[in-house]
Protein backbone atom coordinates (compact mmCIF):
# COMPACT_ATOMS: atom_id res chain seq x y z
CA MET A 1 -45.35 17.72 -38.21
CA LYS A 2 -42.99 19.88 -36.11
CA ARG A 3 -44.73 18.77 -32.93
CA LEU A 4 -44.38 15.09 -33.95
CA LEU A 5 -40.71 15.53 -34.65
CA MET A 6 -40.07 17.21 -31.26
CA THR A 7 -41.97 14.49 -29.49
CA CYS A 8 -39.89 11.77 -31.23
CA LEU A 9 -36.63 13.59 -30.37
CA CYS A 10 -37.60 13.95 -26.72
CA GLY A 11 -38.60 10.25 -26.61
CA VAL A 12 -35.32 9.22 -28.12
CA ALA A 13 -33.38 11.49 -25.65
CA LEU A 14 -35.18 9.97 -22.71
CA LEU A 15 -34.64 6.48 -23.93
CA VAL A 16 -30.89 7.10 -24.38
CA CYS A 17 -30.57 8.77 -20.97
CA GLY A 18 -32.50 5.95 -19.28
CA CYS A 19 -30.34 3.26 -20.92
CA THR A 20 -27.04 4.85 -19.96
CA THR A 21 -28.03 5.56 -16.34
CA SER A 22 -26.42 3.18 -13.90
CA HIS A 23 -28.71 1.00 -11.86
CA TYR A 24 -26.00 1.02 -9.12
CA SER A 25 -27.09 3.94 -6.98
CA ALA A 26 -25.75 5.51 -3.82
CA ALA A 27 -28.66 3.90 -1.92
CA HIS A 28 -26.96 0.57 -2.44
CA THR A 29 -23.48 1.74 -1.37
CA GLU A 30 -21.88 2.01 1.99
CA TYR A 31 -18.70 3.93 2.87
CA LYS A 32 -16.07 3.86 5.58
CA VAL A 33 -12.76 5.54 6.38
CA VAL A 34 -9.65 3.55 7.42
CA TYR A 35 -6.70 5.20 9.22
CA GLY A 36 -3.12 4.13 9.92
CA ARG A 37 0.43 5.40 10.23
CA HIS A 38 2.09 5.19 6.78
CA ILE A 39 5.80 4.58 6.56
CA PRO A 40 6.89 4.83 2.92
CA SER A 41 9.74 2.32 3.30
CA SER A 42 9.00 -1.17 1.98
CA GLU A 43 11.92 -2.58 3.97
CA ALA A 44 9.95 -2.32 7.17
CA GLY A 45 7.10 -4.48 5.79
CA PRO A 46 3.56 -3.28 5.27
CA SER A 47 2.64 -0.10 7.24
CA ALA A 48 -0.38 0.00 9.54
CA PHE A 49 -2.22 1.85 6.76
CA GLU A 50 -1.39 -0.80 4.23
CA LYS A 51 -2.57 -3.49 6.62
CA ALA A 52 -5.83 -1.69 7.17
CA LEU A 53 -6.36 -1.29 3.45
CA ASN A 54 -5.66 -4.96 2.81
CA GLU A 55 -8.09 -6.04 5.57
CA ALA A 56 -10.78 -3.85 4.16
CA ALA A 57 -10.13 -5.05 0.56
CA ASN A 58 -10.38 -8.69 1.73
CA ALA A 59 -13.86 -7.85 3.18
CA GLY A 60 -14.98 -6.45 -0.26
CA TRP A 61 -14.18 -2.73 0.19
CA VAL A 62 -12.69 -0.72 -2.67
CA LEU A 63 -10.45 2.33 -2.15
CA VAL A 64 -12.00 5.50 -3.50
CA SER A 65 -9.49 8.08 -2.25
CA ALA A 66 -6.49 8.30 0.06
CA SER A 67 -4.45 11.07 1.59
CA GLU A 68 -1.99 11.67 4.41
CA ARG A 69 -2.08 14.21 7.18
CA ASP A 70 0.92 16.32 8.25
CA ASP A 71 1.52 14.03 11.27
CA GLY A 72 2.02 11.02 9.00
CA VAL A 73 -1.30 9.37 9.57
CA ALA A 74 -2.89 8.25 6.33
CA PHE A 75 -6.54 7.75 5.73
CA GLY A 76 -8.50 6.21 2.93
CA VAL A 77 -12.18 6.34 1.99
CA MET A 78 -13.52 2.93 1.05
CA LYS A 79 -16.82 1.85 -0.46
CA ARG A 80 -18.67 -1.39 -1.27
CA GLU A 81 -22.10 -2.55 -2.30
CA LYS A 82 -24.38 -2.92 0.71
CA LYS A 83 -24.82 -6.49 1.82
CA SER A 84 -28.31 -7.93 1.88
CA GLU A 85 -29.87 -7.87 5.29
């Protein structure tokens, strides 16, 4: 009886884990890094970094993370689903 109960619990646990696992894996994802000088003033229009982000977004890329170096050059890590070849 104890063995049957443990088997059922393990089966339920595997079923739950399998149903909640994403089918979107890293094997279907591609990444790239965009760079550009970032000027925080909106009066000057979009910065080179903002333009690079917008161009990438128009091509289907999504921003994952962004940061700025000490010299004012910003970079962003972008990802998207791999296109069918």
